[in-house]
């Protein structure tokens, strides 16, 4: 993914409105089983977990999506527009598995995930972007 695409994505996250009930839901729901995560219709799963889903305008083919867990516990899932239903569904479930600690096999190439644990303040995002630009974020 290009540095400008990452910068666009990070900038978009700061403008997402918070949903207090989503944080409450995400804390109230136990970690789903692999079967539940994979078999529940995605809209139902997102609702159960209190996930806020938004479409990303990042057009970079190397960007498959991102999930952010805010300090409040709220989960925000960003998925690129224009992808196949299969890709959207598969990547969304995989990203949720990663953030929730559900043990699933890794995705095949070219999908690579990066975990940034700096929090959601601006200085932390700047540090994460610095590492990605230097090649340490992949």
C-alpha atoms as a PDB file:
ATOM      1  CA  UNK A   1       0.000   0.000   0.000  1.00  0.00           C
ATOM      2  CA  UNK A   2       1.334   3.421  -0.820  1.00  0.00           C
ATOM      3  CA  UNK A   3       2.174   5.909   1.894  1.00  0.00           C
ATOM      4  CA  UNK A   4      -0.399   8.366   0.563  1.00  0.00           C
ATOM      5  CA  UNK A   5      -3.114   5.705   0.748  1.00  0.00           C
ATOM      6  CA  UNK A   6      -2.233   5.009   4.383  1.00  0.00           C
ATOM      7  CA  UNK A   7      -2.242   8.730   5.166  1.00  0.00           C
ATOM      8  CA  UNK A   8      -5.695   9.077   3.557  1.00  0.00           C
ATOM      9  CA  UNK A   9      -7.019   6.192   5.613  1.00  0.00           C
ATOM     10  CA  UNK A  10      -5.624   7.498   8.901  1.00  0.00           C
ATOM     11  CA  UNK A  11      -7.001  10.976   8.186  1.00  0.00           C
ATOM     12  CA  UNK A  12     -10.443   9.501   7.480  1.00  0.00           C
ATOM     13  CA  UNK A  13     -10.522   7.684  10.831  1.00  0.00           C
ATOM     14  CA  UNK A  14     -10.363  10.909  12.843  1.00  0.00           C
ATOM     15  CA  UNK A  15     -13.618  12.122  11.288  1.00  0.00           C
ATOM     16  CA  UNK A  16     -15.689   9.064  12.140  1.00  0.00           C
ATOM     17  CA  UNK A  17     -18.422   9.873  14.630  1.00  0.00           C
ATOM     18  CA  UNK A  18     -18.425   7.786  17.780  1.00  0.00           C
ATOM     19  CA  UNK A  19     -21.349   5.582  18.737  1.00  0.00           C
ATOM     20  CA  UNK A  20     -21.452   5.062  22.505  1.00  0.00           C
ATOM     21  CA  UNK A  21     -23.829   2.116  22.215  1.00  0.00           C
ATOM     22  CA  UNK A  22     -21.344   0.349  19.911  1.00  0.00           C
ATOM     23  CA  UNK A  23     -18.670   0.416  22.613  1.00  0.00           C
ATOM     24  CA  UNK A  24     -21.152  -0.925  25.127  1.00  0.00           C
ATOM     25  CA  UNK A  25     -22.122  -3.737  22.752  1.00  0.00           C
ATOM     26  CA  UNK A  26     -18.527  -4.699  21.967  1.00  0.00           C
ATOM     27  CA  UNK A  27     -17.675  -5.000  25.660  1.00  0.00           C
ATOM     28  CA  UNK A  28     -20.853  -6.940  26.434  1.00  0.00           C
ATOM     29  CA  UNK A  29     -20.317  -9.619  23.768  1.00  0.00           C
ATOM     30  CA  UNK A  30     -17.961 -12.479  24.538  1.00  0.00           C
ATOM     31  CA  UNK A  31     -15.252 -13.374  22.046  1.00  0.00           C
ATOM     32  CA  UNK A  32     -17.062 -15.254  19.282  1.00  0.00           C
ATOM     33  CA  UNK A  33     -16.125 -18.809  18.377  1.00  0.00           C
ATOM     34  CA  UNK A  34     -14.548 -19.461  14.992  1.00  0.00           C
ATOM     35  CA  UNK A  35     -17.805 -21.061  13.820  1.00  0.00           C
ATOM     36  CA  UNK A  36     -19.885 -18.066  14.918  1.00  0.00           C
ATOM     37  CA  UNK A  37     -17.444 -15.605  13.354  1.00  0.00           C
ATOM     38  CA  UNK A  38     -17.447 -17.459  10.035  1.00  0.00           C
ATOM     39  CA  UNK A  39     -21.093 -18.578   9.811  1.00  0.00           C
ATOM     40  CA  UNK A  40     -23.113 -15.627  11.099  1.00  0.00           C
ATOM     41  CA  UNK A  41     -24.338 -13.298   8.334  1.00  0.00           C
ATOM     42  CA  UNK A  42     -21.918 -10.359   8.301  1.00  0.00           C
ATOM     43  CA  UNK A  43     -24.522  -7.633   9.023  1.00  0.00           C
ATOM     44  CA  UNK A  44     -25.747  -9.627  12.042  1.00  0.00           C
ATOM     45  CA  UNK A  45     -22.179 -10.224  13.253  1.00  0.00           C
ATOM     46  CA  UNK A  46     -21.296  -6.524  12.952  1.00  0.00           C
ATOM     47  CA  UNK A  47     -24.416  -5.605  14.921  1.00  0.00           C
ATOM     48  CA  UNK A  48     -23.726  -8.187  17.634  1.00  0.00           C
ATOM     49  CA  UNK A  49     -20.169  -6.945  18.054  1.00  0.00           C
ATOM     50  CA  UNK A  50     -21.122  -3.265  17.886  1.00  0.00           C
ATOM     51  CA  UNK A  51     -18.834  -2.670  14.911  1.00  0.00           C
ATOM     52  CA  UNK A  52     -19.082   0.586  12.977  1.00  0.00           C
ATOM     53  CA  UNK A  53     -18.525  -0.178   9.283  1.00  0.00           C
ATOM     54  CA  UNK A  54     -17.655   2.477   6.753  1.00  0.00           C
ATOM     55  CA  UNK A  55     -16.635   2.401   3.112  1.00  0.00           C
ATOM     56  CA  UNK A  56     -13.151   3.681   2.410  1.00  0.00           C
ATOM     57  CA  UNK A  57     -12.352   5.753  -0.664  1.00  0.00           C
ATOM     58  CA  UNK A  58      -8.826   4.312  -0.838  1.00  0.00           C
ATOM     59  CA  UNK A  59      -8.506   2.909  -4.351  1.00  0.00           C
ATOM     60  CA  UNK A  60      -5.109   1.243  -3.839  1.00  0.00           C
ATOM     61  CA  UNK A  61      -5.468  -2.449  -4.815  1.00  0.00           C
ATOM     62  CA  UNK A  62      -3.108  -3.376  -1.965  1.00  0.00           C
ATOM     63  CA  UNK A  63      -5.516  -1.958   0.631  1.00  0.00           C
ATOM     64  CA  UNK A  64      -7.899  -4.712   1.719  1.00  0.00           C
ATOM     65  CA  UNK A  65      -9.331  -3.021   4.797  1.00  0.00           C
ATOM     66  CA  UNK A  66      -8.564  -1.985   8.359  1.00  0.00           C
ATOM     67  CA  UNK A  67     -10.025  -2.429  11.802  1.00  0.00           C
ATOM     68  CA  UNK A  68      -9.398  -0.034  14.659  1.00  0.00           C
ATOM     69  CA  UNK A  69     -10.200  -0.628  18.290  1.00  0.00           C
ATOM     70  CA  UNK A  70     -10.634   2.681  20.040  1.00  0.00           C
ATOM     71  CA  UNK A  71      -9.693   3.137  23.663  1.00  0.00           C
ATOM     72  CA  UNK A  72     -13.407   2.947  24.478  1.00  0.00           C
ATOM     73  CA  UNK A  73     -13.539  -0.589  23.070  1.00  0.00           C
ATOM     74  CA  UNK A  74     -15.492   0.523  19.991  1.00  0.00           C
ATOM     75  CA  UNK A  75     -14.504  -1.334  16.826  1.00  0.00           C
ATOM     76  CA  UNK A  76     -14.348   0.527  13.513  1.00  0.00           C
ATOM     77  CA  UNK A  77     -14.072  -1.497  10.316  1.00  0.00           C
ATOM     78  CA  UNK A  78     -13.032   0.279   7.126  1.00  0.00           C
ATOM     79  CA  UNK A  79     -13.457  -1.601   3.865  1.00  0.00           C
ATOM     80  CA  UNK A  80     -12.628  -0.400   0.333  1.00  0.00           C
ATOM     81  CA  UNK A  81     -15.458   0.204  -2.110  1.00  0.00           C
ATOM     82  CA  UNK A  82     -15.872  -1.798  -5.281  1.00  0.00           C
ATOM     83  CA  UNK A  83     -14.516  -5.147  -4.120  1.00  0.00           C
ATOM     84  CA  UNK A  84     -16.301  -8.427  -4.685  1.00  0.00           C
ATOM     85  CA  UNK A  85     -18.765  -9.579  -2.056  1.00  0.00           C
ATOM     86  CA  UNK A  86     -16.533 -12.595  -1.352  1.00  0.00           C
ATOM     87  CA  UNK A  87     -13.431 -10.445  -0.789  1.00  0.00           C
ATOM     88  CA  UNK A  88     -15.339  -7.934   1.346  1.00  0.00           C
ATOM     89  CA  UNK A  89     -16.897 -10.648   3.516  1.00  0.00           C
ATOM     90  CA  UNK A  90     -13.707 -12.713   3.884  1.00  0.00           C
ATOM     91  CA  UNK A  91     -11.420  -9.815   4.742  1.00  0.00           C
ATOM     92  CA  UNK A  92     -13.937  -8.265   7.155  1.00  0.00           C
ATOM     93  CA  UNK A  93     -14.221 -11.545   9.081  1.00  0.00           C
ATOM     94  CA  UNK A  94     -10.450 -12.034   9.089  1.00  0.00           C
ATOM     95  CA  UNK A  95      -9.787  -8.522  10.400  1.00  0.00           C
ATOM     96  CA  UNK A  96     -12.394  -8.993  13.122  1.00  0.00           C
ATOM     97  CA  UNK A  97     -10.792 -12.306  14.082  1.00  0.00           C
ATOM     98  CA  UNK A  98      -7.437 -10.545  14.411  1.00  0.00           C
ATOM     99  CA  UNK A  99      -8.682  -7.750  16.662  1.00  0.00           C
ATOM    100  CA  UNK A 100     -10.847 -10.072  18.783  1.00  0.00           C
ATOM    101  CA  UNK A 101      -8.139 -12.704  19.223  1.00  0.00           C
ATOM    102  CA  UNK A 102     -10.063 -15.476  17.465  1.00  0.00           C
ATOM    103  CA  UNK A 103      -7.602 -18.126  16.269  1.00  0.00           C
ATOM    104  CA  UNK A 104      -7.906 -18.402  12.488  1.00  0.00           C
ATOM    105  CA  UNK A 105      -5.293 -19.422   9.911  1.00  0.00           C
ATOM    106  CA  UNK A 106      -3.407 -16.583   8.201  1.00  0.00           C
ATOM    107  CA  UNK A 107      -4.669 -15.240   4.903  1.00  0.00           C
ATOM    108  CA  UNK A 108      -2.802 -16.221   1.746  1.00  0.00           C
ATOM    109  CA  UNK A 109      -0.613 -13.719  -0.109  1.00  0.00           C
ATOM    110  CA  UNK A 110      -1.003 -10.967  -1.152  1.00  0.00           C
ATOM    111  CA  UNK A 111      -3.020 -10.148   1.984  1.00  0.00           C
ATOM    112  CA  UNK A 112      -0.684  -9.074   4.777  1.00  0.00           C
ATOM    113  CA  UNK A 113      -1.871  -7.632   8.055  1.00  0.00           C
ATOM    114  CA  UNK A 114      -0.056  -5.127  10.212  1.00  0.00           C
ATOM    115  CA  UNK A 115      -0.888  -4.525  13.845  1.00  0.00           C
ATOM    116  CA  UNK A 116      -0.296  -1.069  15.210  1.00  0.00           C
ATOM    117  CA  UNK A 117      -0.853  -0.720  18.942  1.00  0.00           C
ATOM    118  CA  UNK A 118      -0.164   2.964  19.450  1.00  0.00           C
ATOM    119  CA  UNK A 119      -3.659   4.067  20.401  1.00  0.00           C
ATOM    120  CA  UNK A 120      -5.809   6.592  18.603  1.00  0.00           C
ATOM    121  CA  UNK A 121      -4.212   9.946  19.394  1.00  0.00           C
ATOM    122  CA  UNK A 122      -2.588  12.006  16.669  1.00  0.00           C
ATOM    123  CA  UNK A 123       1.036  11.621  17.916  1.00  0.00           C
ATOM    124  CA  UNK A 124       0.602   7.855  17.938  1.00  0.00           C
ATOM    125  CA  UNK A 125      -0.755   7.860  14.382  1.00  0.00           C
ATOM    126  CA  UNK A 126       2.192   9.983  13.288  1.00  0.00           C
ATOM    127  CA  UNK A 127       4.589   7.451  14.800  1.00  0.00           C
ATOM    128  CA  UNK A 128       2.772   4.558  13.095  1.00  0.00           C
ATOM    129  CA  UNK A 129       2.961   6.345   9.745  1.00  0.00           C
ATOM    130  CA  UNK A 130       6.675   7.051  10.285  1.00  0.00           C
ATOM    131  CA  UNK A 131       7.333   3.327  10.824  1.00  0.00           C
ATOM    132  CA  UNK A 132       5.328   2.364   7.736  1.00  0.00           C
ATOM    133  CA  UNK A 133       7.220   4.905   5.622  1.00  0.00           C
ATOM    134  CA  UNK A 134      10.504   3.437   6.844  1.00  0.00           C
ATOM    135  CA  UNK A 135       9.395  -0.088   5.935  1.00  0.00           C
ATOM    136  CA  UNK A 136       8.903  -1.309   9.508  1.00  0.00           C
ATOM    137  CA  UNK A 137       5.122  -1.459   9.392  1.00  0.00           C
ATOM    138  CA  UNK A 138       4.785  -4.468   7.117  1.00  0.00           C
END
